[in-house]
């Protein structure tokens, strides 16, 4: 059983993330090939990898390719190296010795799941990672909260609507059917879009609650990943996600017509805030119409996103 772990790095020496992450994988009870795709770190991440971990396969990008595209590069290498499963792991996360083995075992038993994720604890291990906890509420992940409270967690997978890609075990079957991440999303949103496409293909995503990772992001700023978050980017990402979802009847042309009607009404009523809000959305949809159309088309093919060459 071949497993590859793909890690995208950017300034991964912060808080000793790199050491914690790599050392944990090297102590896994199920060996895993490690593939690192570095997004042009400005610290000594690549130097440390070459000196301290010379057997790890390292791809050094000449620019920041974004999270999804860099992961695609690592996944492509993993598949060429005959991986049966690919673990995507954040640079600021680390695993327990049995994490990979437990996830692979559950995936083999449940081939209808394309993605499995463990419990995500915070960096100290004394609580659930906060963002992860929001993905396993009763309306998104049936019975898991209840079983925890009643101390009767089952040795089974709990299906969820979504789990962030900080730790995803993806089967080869899933990658063959769904493909890689959409390059439309540079950073943030690519995992949501991927789950939308996975579910459209009839596969599932779930949590294996008897295994865990540690995700150290309590004091992390968004800029640690080389990305500055702003309102316009957040709005654009939300629009792309909404209209690129192959399982929803979100017609872009109808949306633009509706927004123009609202804009006309707002102008008549001289609602300045509303006018600005609507204009911004119309511009974003116009700018991304072609991308949205391509996303929908590719999402419905057998291999949604071909993996990208490594010449960055």
C-alpha atoms as a PDB file:
ATOM      1  CA  UNK A   1       0.000   0.000   0.000  1.00  0.00           C
ATOM      2  CA  UNK A   2       1.701   3.199  -1.198  1.00  0.00           C
ATOM      3  CA  UNK A   3       0.997   6.456   0.615  1.00  0.00           C
ATOM      4  CA  UNK A   4       2.407   9.867  -0.258  1.00  0.00           C
ATOM      5  CA  UNK A   5       2.158  12.915   1.986  1.00  0.00           C
ATOM      6  CA  UNK A   6       2.051  16.265   0.189  1.00  0.00           C
ATOM      7  CA  UNK A   7       2.916  19.426   2.120  1.00  0.00           C
ATOM      8  CA  UNK A   8       2.821  22.945   0.703  1.00  0.00           C
ATOM      9  CA  UNK A   9       5.259  25.207   2.527  1.00  0.00           C
ATOM     10  CA  UNK A  10       5.652  28.951   2.830  1.00  0.00           C
ATOM     11  CA  UNK A  11       7.943  30.255   5.577  1.00  0.00           C
ATOM     12  CA  UNK A  12       7.445  27.007   7.469  1.00  0.00           C
ATOM     13  CA  UNK A  13      10.065  27.657  10.147  1.00  0.00           C
ATOM     14  CA  UNK A  14       7.614  29.822  12.080  1.00  0.00           C
ATOM     15  CA  UNK A  15       6.865  28.211  15.481  1.00  0.00           C
ATOM     16  CA  UNK A  16       9.038  25.223  14.436  1.00  0.00           C
ATOM     17  CA  UNK A  17       6.182  24.036  12.238  1.00  0.00           C
ATOM     18  CA  UNK A  18       8.450  22.343   9.705  1.00  0.00           C
ATOM     19  CA  UNK A  19      10.222  20.173  12.262  1.00  0.00           C
ATOM     20  CA  UNK A  20       7.028  19.145  14.060  1.00  0.00           C
ATOM     21  CA  UNK A  21       5.291  18.310  10.792  1.00  0.00           C
ATOM     22  CA  UNK A  22       8.082  16.319   9.143  1.00  0.00           C
ATOM     23  CA  UNK A  23       9.266  14.499  12.271  1.00  0.00           C
ATOM     24  CA  UNK A  24       5.726  13.313  12.964  1.00  0.00           C
ATOM     25  CA  UNK A  25       5.413  11.791   9.486  1.00  0.00           C
ATOM     26  CA  UNK A  26       8.816  10.139   9.745  1.00  0.00           C
ATOM     27  CA  UNK A  27       7.576   8.388  12.920  1.00  0.00           C
ATOM     28  CA  UNK A  28       4.401   7.103  11.261  1.00  0.00           C
ATOM     29  CA  UNK A  29       3.612   3.404  11.753  1.00  0.00           C
ATOM     30  CA  UNK A  30       2.695   3.316   8.069  1.00  0.00           C
ATOM     31  CA  UNK A  31       5.583   4.715   6.021  1.00  0.00           C
ATOM     32  CA  UNK A  32       4.804   7.563   3.665  1.00  0.00           C
ATOM     33  CA  UNK A  33       6.716   9.210   0.869  1.00  0.00           C
ATOM     34  CA  UNK A  34       7.015  12.918   1.663  1.00  0.00           C
ATOM     35  CA  UNK A  35       6.670  15.480  -1.118  1.00  0.00           C
ATOM     36  CA  UNK A  36       7.133  19.153  -0.290  1.00  0.00           C
ATOM     37  CA  UNK A  37       6.148  21.910  -2.699  1.00  0.00           C
ATOM     38  CA  UNK A  38       7.570  25.191  -1.477  1.00  0.00           C
ATOM     39  CA  UNK A  39       5.784  28.371  -2.574  1.00  0.00           C
ATOM     40  CA  UNK A  40       8.889  30.571  -2.738  1.00  0.00           C
ATOM     41  CA  UNK A  41       9.531  30.876   1.004  1.00  0.00           C
ATOM     42  CA  UNK A  42      11.356  33.977   2.138  1.00  0.00           C
ATOM     43  CA  UNK A  43      13.000  32.239   5.101  1.00  0.00           C
ATOM     44  CA  UNK A  44      15.359  29.232   5.215  1.00  0.00           C
ATOM     45  CA  UNK A  45      12.643  26.598   4.784  1.00  0.00           C
ATOM     46  CA  UNK A  46      14.203  25.043   1.678  1.00  0.00           C
ATOM     47  CA  UNK A  47      17.725  25.195   3.116  1.00  0.00           C
ATOM     48  CA  UNK A  48      16.616  23.353   6.253  1.00  0.00           C
ATOM     49  CA  UNK A  49      14.823  20.682   4.236  1.00  0.00           C
ATOM     50  CA  UNK A  50      17.906  20.045   2.112  1.00  0.00           C
ATOM     51  CA  UNK A  51      20.237  19.917   5.107  1.00  0.00           C
ATOM     52  CA  UNK A  52      18.089  18.174   7.742  1.00  0.00           C
ATOM     53  CA  UNK A  53      15.788  16.065   5.544  1.00  0.00           C
ATOM     54  CA  UNK A  54      17.803  15.266   2.400  1.00  0.00           C
ATOM     55  CA  UNK A  55      15.687  12.224   1.442  1.00  0.00           C
ATOM     56  CA  UNK A  56      12.491  14.265   1.169  1.00  0.00           C
ATOM     57  CA  UNK A  57      11.434  15.200  -2.348  1.00  0.00           C
ATOM     58  CA  UNK A  58      11.407  18.997  -2.593  1.00  0.00           C
ATOM     59  CA  UNK A  59       9.951  21.127  -5.374  1.00  0.00           C
ATOM     60  CA  UNK A  60      10.990  24.782  -5.185  1.00  0.00           C
ATOM     61  CA  UNK A  61       8.627  27.161  -6.957  1.00  0.00           C
ATOM     62  CA  UNK A  62      10.076  30.388  -8.283  1.00  0.00           C
ATOM     63  CA  UNK A  63       6.911  32.203  -7.239  1.00  0.00           C
ATOM     64  CA  UNK A  64       3.968  31.643  -4.922  1.00  0.00           C
ATOM     65  CA  UNK A  65       1.709  29.371  -6.970  1.00  0.00           C
ATOM     66  CA  UNK A  66      -1.125  29.353  -4.444  1.00  0.00           C
ATOM     67  CA  UNK A  67      -2.246  26.534  -2.175  1.00  0.00           C
ATOM     68  CA  UNK A  68      -4.383  24.558  -4.623  1.00  0.00           C
ATOM     69  CA  UNK A  69      -1.987  24.660  -7.554  1.00  0.00           C
ATOM     70  CA  UNK A  70       1.009  23.742  -5.384  1.00  0.00           C
ATOM     71  CA  UNK A  71      -0.914  20.785  -3.954  1.00  0.00           C
ATOM     72  CA  UNK A  72      -1.754  19.691  -7.499  1.00  0.00           C
ATOM     73  CA  UNK A  73       1.952  19.628  -8.287  1.00  0.00           C
ATOM     74  CA  UNK A  74       2.634  17.383  -5.309  1.00  0.00           C
ATOM     75  CA  UNK A  75      -0.328  15.127  -6.088  1.00  0.00           C
ATOM     76  CA  UNK A  76       0.869  14.721  -9.668  1.00  0.00           C
ATOM     77  CA  UNK A  77       4.255  13.492  -8.420  1.00  0.00           C
ATOM     78  CA  UNK A  78       2.563  11.154  -5.931  1.00  0.00           C
ATOM     79  CA  UNK A  79       0.417   9.560  -8.632  1.00  0.00           C
ATOM     80  CA  UNK A  80       3.427   9.154 -10.927  1.00  0.00           C
ATOM     81  CA  UNK A  81       5.134   7.388  -8.008  1.00  0.00           C
ATOM     82  CA  UNK A  82       2.220   4.927  -7.780  1.00  0.00           C
ATOM     83  CA  UNK A  83       0.521   6.329  -4.683  1.00  0.00           C
ATOM     84  CA  UNK A  84      -2.700   4.560  -3.695  1.00  0.00           C
ATOM     85  CA  UNK A  85      -3.513   7.308  -1.205  1.00  0.00           C
ATOM     86  CA  UNK A  86      -2.360  10.904  -0.839  1.00  0.00           C
ATOM     87  CA  UNK A  87      -2.349  12.707   2.496  1.00  0.00           C
ATOM     88  CA  UNK A  88      -2.542  16.468   2.167  1.00  0.00           C
ATOM     89  CA  UNK A  89      -1.139  17.998   5.336  1.00  0.00           C
ATOM     90  CA  UNK A  90      -0.713  21.660   6.275  1.00  0.00           C
ATOM     91  CA  UNK A  91       2.753  22.869   7.196  1.00  0.00           C
ATOM     92  CA  UNK A  92       1.419  23.990  10.586  1.00  0.00           C
ATOM     93  CA  UNK A  93      -0.026  20.567  11.419  1.00  0.00           C
ATOM     94  CA  UNK A  94       1.443  17.302  12.647  1.00  0.00           C
ATOM     95  CA  UNK A  95       0.170  13.773  13.111  1.00  0.00           C
ATOM     96  CA  UNK A  96       0.283  10.945  15.637  1.00  0.00           C
ATOM     97  CA  UNK A  97       2.206   7.751  14.766  1.00  0.00           C
ATOM     98  CA  UNK A  98      -0.970   5.831  13.877  1.00  0.00           C
ATOM     99  CA  UNK A  99      -2.838   8.638  12.091  1.00  0.00           C
ATOM    100  CA  UNK A 100      -2.001   7.621   8.520  1.00  0.00           C
ATOM    101  CA  UNK A 101      -2.432   3.908   9.209  1.00  0.00           C
ATOM    102  CA  UNK A 102      -5.860   4.438  10.789  1.00  0.00           C
ATOM    103  CA  UNK A 103      -7.056   6.690   7.979  1.00  0.00           C
ATOM    104  CA  UNK A 104      -5.919   4.289   5.261  1.00  0.00           C
ATOM    105  CA  UNK A 105      -7.550   1.344   7.038  1.00  0.00           C
ATOM    106  CA  UNK A 106     -10.876   3.191   7.260  1.00  0.00           C
ATOM    107  CA  UNK A 107     -10.656   4.303   3.640  1.00  0.00           C
ATOM    108  CA  UNK A 108     -10.108   0.733   2.452  1.00  0.00           C
ATOM    109  CA  UNK A 109     -13.151  -0.381   4.451  1.00  0.00           C
ATOM    110  CA  UNK A 110     -15.249   2.482   3.055  1.00  0.00           C
ATOM    111  CA  UNK A 111     -14.403   3.026  -0.641  1.00  0.00           C
ATOM    112  CA  UNK A 112     -17.442   5.291  -1.098  1.00  0.00           C
ATOM    113  CA  UNK A 113     -15.495   7.983   0.772  1.00  0.00           C
ATOM    114  CA  UNK A 114     -13.149  10.026  -1.379  1.00  0.00           C
ATOM    115  CA  UNK A 115     -11.722  12.044   1.533  1.00  0.00           C
ATOM    116  CA  UNK A 116     -11.183  11.151   5.177  1.00  0.00           C
ATOM    117  CA  UNK A 117      -9.943  13.497   7.863  1.00  0.00           C
ATOM    118  CA  UNK A 118      -9.028  12.870  11.507  1.00  0.00           C
ATOM    119  CA  UNK A 119     -10.049  14.981  14.467  1.00  0.00           C
ATOM    120  CA  UNK A 120      -8.250  18.333  14.331  1.00  0.00           C
ATOM    121  CA  UNK A 121      -6.946  19.421  17.729  1.00  0.00           C
ATOM    122  CA  UNK A 122      -5.277  22.752  18.404  1.00  0.00           C
ATOM    123  CA  UNK A 123      -1.500  23.006  18.647  1.00  0.00           C
ATOM    124  CA  UNK A 124      -1.505  22.316  22.402  1.00  0.00           C
ATOM    125  CA  UNK A 125      -3.755  19.284  22.017  1.00  0.00           C
ATOM    126  CA  UNK A 126      -6.076  20.463  24.785  1.00  0.00           C
ATOM    127  CA  UNK A 127      -9.093  21.346  22.627  1.00  0.00           C
ATOM    128  CA  UNK A 128     -10.539  20.927  19.172  1.00  0.00           C
ATOM    129  CA  UNK A 129      -9.223  23.325  16.577  1.00  0.00           C
ATOM    130  CA  UNK A 130     -11.931  25.992  16.614  1.00  0.00           C
ATOM    131  CA  UNK A 131     -12.551  26.112  12.868  1.00  0.00           C
ATOM    132  CA  UNK A 132     -12.718  22.321  12.719  1.00  0.00           C
ATOM    133  CA  UNK A 133     -15.325  22.311  15.483  1.00  0.00           C
ATOM    134  CA  UNK A 134     -17.591  24.436  13.289  1.00  0.00           C
ATOM    135  CA  UNK A 135     -17.533  21.746  10.573  1.00  0.00           C
ATOM    136  CA  UNK A 136     -18.835  18.953  12.813  1.00  0.00           C
ATOM    137  CA  UNK A 137     -21.937  20.602  14.258  1.00  0.00           C
ATOM    138  CA  UNK A 138     -25.054  18.394  14.221  1.00  0.00           C
ATOM    139  CA  UNK A 139     -26.428  19.994  11.067  1.00  0.00           C
ATOM    140  CA  UNK A 140     -23.170  19.337   9.167  1.00  0.00           C
ATOM    141  CA  UNK A 141     -21.950  16.065  10.702  1.00  0.00           C
ATOM    142  CA  UNK A 142     -24.772  13.950  12.075  1.00  0.00           C
ATOM    143  CA  UNK A 143     -24.370  12.287  15.508  1.00  0.00           C
ATOM    144  CA  UNK A 144     -20.679  13.039  16.145  1.00  0.00           C
ATOM    145  CA  UNK A 145     -21.274  15.752  18.778  1.00  0.00           C
ATOM    146  CA  UNK A 146     -23.943  13.698  20.440  1.00  0.00           C
ATOM    147  CA  UNK A 147     -21.787  10.568  20.577  1.00  0.00           C
ATOM    148  CA  UNK A 148     -18.917  12.543  22.093  1.00  0.00           C
ATOM    149  CA  UNK A 149     -21.101  14.044  24.798  1.00  0.00           C
ATOM    150  CA  UNK A 150     -22.529  10.629  25.654  1.00  0.00           C
ATOM    151  CA  UNK A 151     -19.054   9.020  25.536  1.00  0.00           C
ATOM    152  CA  UNK A 152     -20.114   6.550  22.870  1.00  0.00           C
ATOM    153  CA  UNK A 153     -18.064   7.532  19.837  1.00  0.00           C
ATOM    154  CA  UNK A 154     -18.149   4.697  17.335  1.00  0.00           C
ATOM    155  CA  UNK A 155     -15.209   3.228  15.420  1.00  0.00           C
ATOM    156  CA  UNK A 156     -16.747   4.349  12.188  1.00  0.00           C
ATOM    157  CA  UNK A 157     -16.678   7.243   9.768  1.00  0.00           C
ATOM    158  CA  UNK A 158     -18.977  10.164  10.439  1.00  0.00           C
ATOM    159  CA  UNK A 159     -20.037  11.727   7.163  1.00  0.00           C
ATOM    160  CA  UNK A 160     -19.661  15.508   7.029  1.00  0.00           C
ATOM    161  CA  UNK A 161     -20.669  18.219   4.585  1.00  0.00           C
ATOM    162  CA  UNK A 162     -17.169  19.697   4.695  1.00  0.00           C
ATOM    163  CA  UNK A 163     -13.795  19.466   6.456  1.00  0.00           C
ATOM    164  CA  UNK A 164     -10.989  21.906   5.680  1.00  0.00           C
ATOM    165  CA  UNK A 165      -7.979  20.540   3.787  1.00  0.00           C
ATOM    166  CA  UNK A 166      -5.511  20.870   6.677  1.00  0.00           C
ATOM    167  CA  UNK A 167      -5.421  17.048   6.767  1.00  0.00           C
ATOM    168  CA  UNK A 168      -7.111  15.130   3.963  1.00  0.00           C
ATOM    169  CA  UNK A 169      -6.457  11.539   3.022  1.00  0.00           C
ATOM    170  CA  UNK A 170      -7.576  11.285  -0.606  1.00  0.00           C
ATOM    171  CA  UNK A 171      -7.917   7.992  -2.440  1.00  0.00           C
ATOM    172  CA  UNK A 172      -6.448   7.431  -5.885  1.00  0.00           C
ATOM    173  CA  UNK A 173      -9.979   6.667  -7.065  1.00  0.00           C
ATOM    174  CA  UNK A 174     -11.142  10.097  -5.930  1.00  0.00           C
ATOM    175  CA  UNK A 175      -8.262  11.838  -7.683  1.00  0.00           C
ATOM    176  CA  UNK A 176      -9.003   9.919 -10.880  1.00  0.00           C
ATOM    177  CA  UNK A 177     -12.681  10.848 -10.773  1.00  0.00           C
ATOM    178  CA  UNK A 178     -12.635  14.360  -9.308  1.00  0.00           C
ATOM    179  CA  UNK A 179      -9.152  15.534 -10.293  1.00  0.00           C
ATOM    180  CA  UNK A 180      -7.078  18.130  -8.476  1.00  0.00           C
ATOM    181  CA  UNK A 181      -7.863  21.552  -7.051  1.00  0.00           C
ATOM    182  CA  UNK A 182      -9.234  24.250  -9.329  1.00  0.00           C
ATOM    183  CA  UNK A 183      -6.527  26.828 -10.094  1.00  0.00           C
ATOM    184  CA  UNK A 184      -9.307  29.437 -10.032  1.00  0.00           C
ATOM    185  CA  UNK A 185      -8.851  29.658  -6.257  1.00  0.00           C
ATOM    186  CA  UNK A 186      -5.397  30.942  -5.342  1.00  0.00           C
ATOM    187  CA  UNK A 187      -5.789  30.512  -1.598  1.00  0.00           C
ATOM    188  CA  UNK A 188      -8.931  29.789   0.456  1.00  0.00           C
ATOM    189  CA  UNK A 189     -12.033  28.325  -1.138  1.00  0.00           C
ATOM    190  CA  UNK A 190     -10.228  25.650  -3.155  1.00  0.00           C
ATOM    191  CA  UNK A 191     -11.134  22.971  -0.599  1.00  0.00           C
ATOM    192  CA  UNK A 192     -14.804  24.028  -0.533  1.00  0.00           C
ATOM    193  CA  UNK A 193     -14.938  23.861  -4.333  1.00  0.00           C
ATOM    194  CA  UNK A 194     -13.246  20.454  -4.293  1.00  0.00           C
ATOM    195  CA  UNK A 195     -15.804  19.034  -1.858  1.00  0.00           C
ATOM    196  CA  UNK A 196     -18.624  20.410  -4.014  1.00  0.00           C
ATOM    197  CA  UNK A 197     -17.201  18.553  -7.011  1.00  0.00           C
ATOM    198  CA  UNK A 198     -16.534  15.393  -4.998  1.00  0.00           C
ATOM    199  CA  UNK A 199     -20.142  15.272  -3.808  1.00  0.00           C
ATOM    200  CA  UNK A 200     -21.367  15.952  -7.343  1.00  0.00           C
ATOM    201  CA  UNK A 201     -19.492  12.787  -8.385  1.00  0.00           C
ATOM    202  CA  UNK A 202     -21.280  10.779  -5.703  1.00  0.00           C
ATOM    203  CA  UNK A 203     -18.371  10.430  -3.279  1.00  0.00           C
ATOM    204  CA  UNK A 204     -18.344  11.347   0.407  1.00  0.00           C
ATOM    205  CA  UNK A 205     -16.140  13.213   2.869  1.00  0.00           C
ATOM    206  CA  UNK A 206     -15.993  12.145   6.490  1.00  0.00           C
ATOM    207  CA  UNK A 207     -14.271  12.231   9.867  1.00  0.00           C
ATOM    208  CA  UNK A 208     -12.476   9.275  11.444  1.00  0.00           C
ATOM    209  CA  UNK A 209     -12.869  10.278  15.115  1.00  0.00           C
ATOM    210  CA  UNK A 210     -10.469   7.724  16.576  1.00  0.00           C
ATOM    211  CA  UNK A 211      -7.428   9.363  15.062  1.00  0.00           C
ATOM    212  CA  UNK A 212      -6.144  12.926  15.250  1.00  0.00           C
ATOM    213  CA  UNK A 213      -3.816  15.668  14.123  1.00  0.00           C
ATOM    214  CA  UNK A 214      -2.621  18.861  15.811  1.00  0.00           C
ATOM    215  CA  UNK A 215      -3.171  22.129  13.959  1.00  0.00           C
ATOM    216  CA  UNK A 216      -1.221  25.067  15.358  1.00  0.00           C
ATOM    217  CA  UNK A 217      -2.916  28.187  14.038  1.00  0.00           C
ATOM    218  CA  UNK A 218      -4.211  30.080  17.064  1.00  0.00           C
ATOM    219  CA  UNK A 219      -1.771  32.972  16.634  1.00  0.00           C
ATOM    220  CA  UNK A 220      -1.353  32.749  12.880  1.00  0.00           C
ATOM    221  CA  UNK A 221      -2.145  35.739  10.727  1.00  0.00           C
ATOM    222  CA  UNK A 222      -3.397  35.272   7.178  1.00  0.00           C
ATOM    223  CA  UNK A 223      -0.219  36.900   5.902  1.00  0.00           C
ATOM    224  CA  UNK A 224       1.799  33.965   7.249  1.00  0.00           C
ATOM    225  CA  UNK A 225       0.644  32.156   4.102  1.00  0.00           C
ATOM    226  CA  UNK A 226       1.732  35.011   1.885  1.00  0.00           C
ATOM    227  CA  UNK A 227      -1.828  36.190   1.311  1.00  0.00           C
ATOM    228  CA  UNK A 228      -3.440  39.428   2.449  1.00  0.00           C
ATOM    229  CA  UNK A 229      -7.157  39.032   2.973  1.00  0.00           C
ATOM    230  CA  UNK A 230      -9.490  41.884   2.075  1.00  0.00           C
ATOM    231  CA  UNK A 231     -13.204  42.345   1.615  1.00  0.00           C
ATOM    232  CA  UNK A 232     -13.123  42.392  -2.187  1.00  0.00           C
ATOM    233  CA  UNK A 233     -11.249  39.081  -2.308  1.00  0.00           C
ATOM    234  CA  UNK A 234     -13.703  37.546   0.133  1.00  0.00           C
ATOM    235  CA  UNK A 235     -16.658  38.707  -1.974  1.00  0.00           C
ATOM    236  CA  UNK A 236     -15.029  37.424  -5.165  1.00  0.00           C
ATOM    237  CA  UNK A 237     -14.291  34.043  -3.625  1.00  0.00           C
ATOM    238  CA  UNK A 238     -17.869  33.686  -2.399  1.00  0.00           C
ATOM    239  CA  UNK A 239     -19.242  34.451  -5.855  1.00  0.00           C
ATOM    240  CA  UNK A 240     -16.860  32.000  -7.522  1.00  0.00           C
ATOM    241  CA  UNK A 241     -17.817  29.271  -5.054  1.00  0.00           C
ATOM    242  CA  UNK A 242     -21.527  29.896  -5.454  1.00  0.00           C
ATOM    243  CA  UNK A 243     -21.589  29.853  -9.244  1.00  0.00           C
ATOM    244  CA  UNK A 244     -18.899  27.187  -9.743  1.00  0.00           C
ATOM    245  CA  UNK A 245     -20.810  24.583  -7.724  1.00  0.00           C
ATOM    246  CA  UNK A 246     -21.886  21.891 -10.237  1.00  0.00           C
ATOM    247  CA  UNK A 247     -24.601  20.623  -7.901  1.00  0.00           C
ATOM    248  CA  UNK A 248     -26.479  23.911  -7.732  1.00  0.00           C
ATOM    249  CA  UNK A 249     -28.660  25.590 -10.328  1.00  0.00           C
ATOM    250  CA  UNK A 250     -26.856  28.905 -10.132  1.00  0.00           C
ATOM    251  CA  UNK A 251     -27.224  30.499 -13.556  1.00  0.00           C
ATOM    252  CA  UNK A 252     -24.711  33.305 -13.971  1.00  0.00           C
ATOM    253  CA  UNK A 253     -26.711  35.127 -16.641  1.00  0.00           C
ATOM    254  CA  UNK A 254     -29.829  35.077 -14.490  1.00  0.00           C
ATOM    255  CA  UNK A 255     -27.817  36.343 -11.541  1.00  0.00           C
ATOM    256  CA  UNK A 256     -26.520  39.299 -13.542  1.00  0.00           C
ATOM    257  CA  UNK A 257     -30.032  40.157 -14.725  1.00  0.00           C
ATOM    258  CA  UNK A 258     -31.306  40.043 -11.147  1.00  0.00           C
ATOM    259  CA  UNK A 259     -28.463  42.235  -9.883  1.00  0.00           C
ATOM    260  CA  UNK A 260     -29.052  44.799 -12.626  1.00  0.00           C
ATOM    261  CA  UNK A 261     -32.741  45.012 -11.679  1.00  0.00           C
ATOM    262  CA  UNK A 262     -31.792  45.581  -8.046  1.00  0.00           C
ATOM    263  CA  UNK A 263     -29.231  48.186  -9.090  1.00  0.00           C
ATOM    264  CA  UNK A 264     -31.818  50.070 -11.166  1.00  0.00           C
ATOM    265  CA  UNK A 265     -34.189  50.094  -8.195  1.00  0.00           C
ATOM    266  CA  UNK A 266     -31.425  51.254  -5.827  1.00  0.00           C
ATOM    267  CA  UNK A 267     -30.542  54.129  -8.150  1.00  0.00           C
ATOM    268  CA  UNK A 268     -34.152  55.280  -8.238  1.00  0.00           C
ATOM    269  CA  UNK A 269     -34.272  55.209  -4.429  1.00  0.00           C
ATOM    270  CA  UNK A 270     -30.787  56.771  -4.208  1.00  0.00           C
ATOM    271  CA  UNK A 271     -29.534  53.982  -1.914  1.00  0.00           C
ATOM    272  CA  UNK A 272     -25.817  54.722  -2.146  1.00  0.00           C
ATOM    273  CA  UNK A 273     -24.564  51.792  -0.056  1.00  0.00           C
ATOM    274  CA  UNK A 274     -26.702  49.362  -2.003  1.00  0.00           C
ATOM    275  CA  UNK A 275     -25.567  50.836  -5.335  1.00  0.00           C
ATOM    276  CA  UNK A 276     -21.904  50.353  -4.398  1.00  0.00           C
ATOM    277  CA  UNK A 277     -22.569  46.827  -3.123  1.00  0.00           C
ATOM    278  CA  UNK A 278     -24.414  45.737  -6.278  1.00  0.00           C
ATOM    279  CA  UNK A 279     -21.963  47.358  -8.696  1.00  0.00           C
ATOM    280  CA  UNK A 280     -19.107  45.507  -7.049  1.00  0.00           C
ATOM    281  CA  UNK A 281     -20.838  42.157  -7.482  1.00  0.00           C
ATOM    282  CA  UNK A 282     -21.754  42.801 -11.098  1.00  0.00           C
ATOM    283  CA  UNK A 283     -18.137  43.699 -11.889  1.00  0.00           C
ATOM    284  CA  UNK A 284     -16.835  40.545 -10.168  1.00  0.00           C
ATOM    285  CA  UNK A 285     -19.290  38.298 -12.021  1.00  0.00           C
ATOM    286  CA  UNK A 286     -18.420  39.938 -15.340  1.00  0.00           C
ATOM    287  CA  UNK A 287     -14.702  39.526 -14.689  1.00  0.00           C
ATOM    288  CA  UNK A 288     -15.061  35.871 -13.728  1.00  0.00           C
ATOM    289  CA  UNK A 289     -17.839  34.727 -16.062  1.00  0.00           C
ATOM    290  CA  UNK A 290     -15.468  32.742 -18.261  1.00  0.00           C
ATOM    291  CA  UNK A 291     -13.752  31.121 -15.269  1.00  0.00           C
ATOM    292  CA  UNK A 292     -17.098  30.106 -13.794  1.00  0.00           C
ATOM    293  CA  UNK A 293     -18.194  28.607 -17.099  1.00  0.00           C
ATOM    294  CA  UNK A 294     -14.933  26.666 -17.385  1.00  0.00           C
ATOM    295  CA  UNK A 295     -15.230  25.463 -13.783  1.00  0.00           C
ATOM    296  CA  UNK A 296     -18.692  24.069 -14.386  1.00  0.00           C
ATOM    297  CA  UNK A 297     -17.682  22.399 -17.634  1.00  0.00           C
ATOM    298  CA  UNK A 298     -14.584  20.776 -16.148  1.00  0.00           C
ATOM    299  CA  UNK A 299     -16.444  19.709 -13.003  1.00  0.00           C
ATOM    300  CA  UNK A 300     -18.690  17.501 -15.099  1.00  0.00           C
ATOM    301  CA  UNK A 301     -15.929  15.706 -17.007  1.00  0.00           C
ATOM    302  CA  UNK A 302     -14.334  12.448 -15.900  1.00  0.00           C
ATOM    303  CA  UNK A 303     -11.181  14.224 -14.752  1.00  0.00           C
ATOM    304  CA  UNK A 304     -12.169  17.698 -13.671  1.00  0.00           C
ATOM    305  CA  UNK A 305      -8.757  19.308 -13.424  1.00  0.00           C
ATOM    306  CA  UNK A 306      -5.731  17.880 -15.144  1.00  0.00           C
ATOM    307  CA  UNK A 307      -2.627  18.096 -13.024  1.00  0.00           C
ATOM    308  CA  UNK A 308      -0.251  20.868 -13.884  1.00  0.00           C
ATOM    309  CA  UNK A 309       3.331  20.720 -15.099  1.00  0.00           C
ATOM    310  CA  UNK A 310       6.075  21.670 -12.678  1.00  0.00           C
ATOM    311  CA  UNK A 311       7.621  24.536 -14.629  1.00  0.00           C
ATOM    312  CA  UNK A 312       6.900  27.496 -12.369  1.00  0.00           C
END
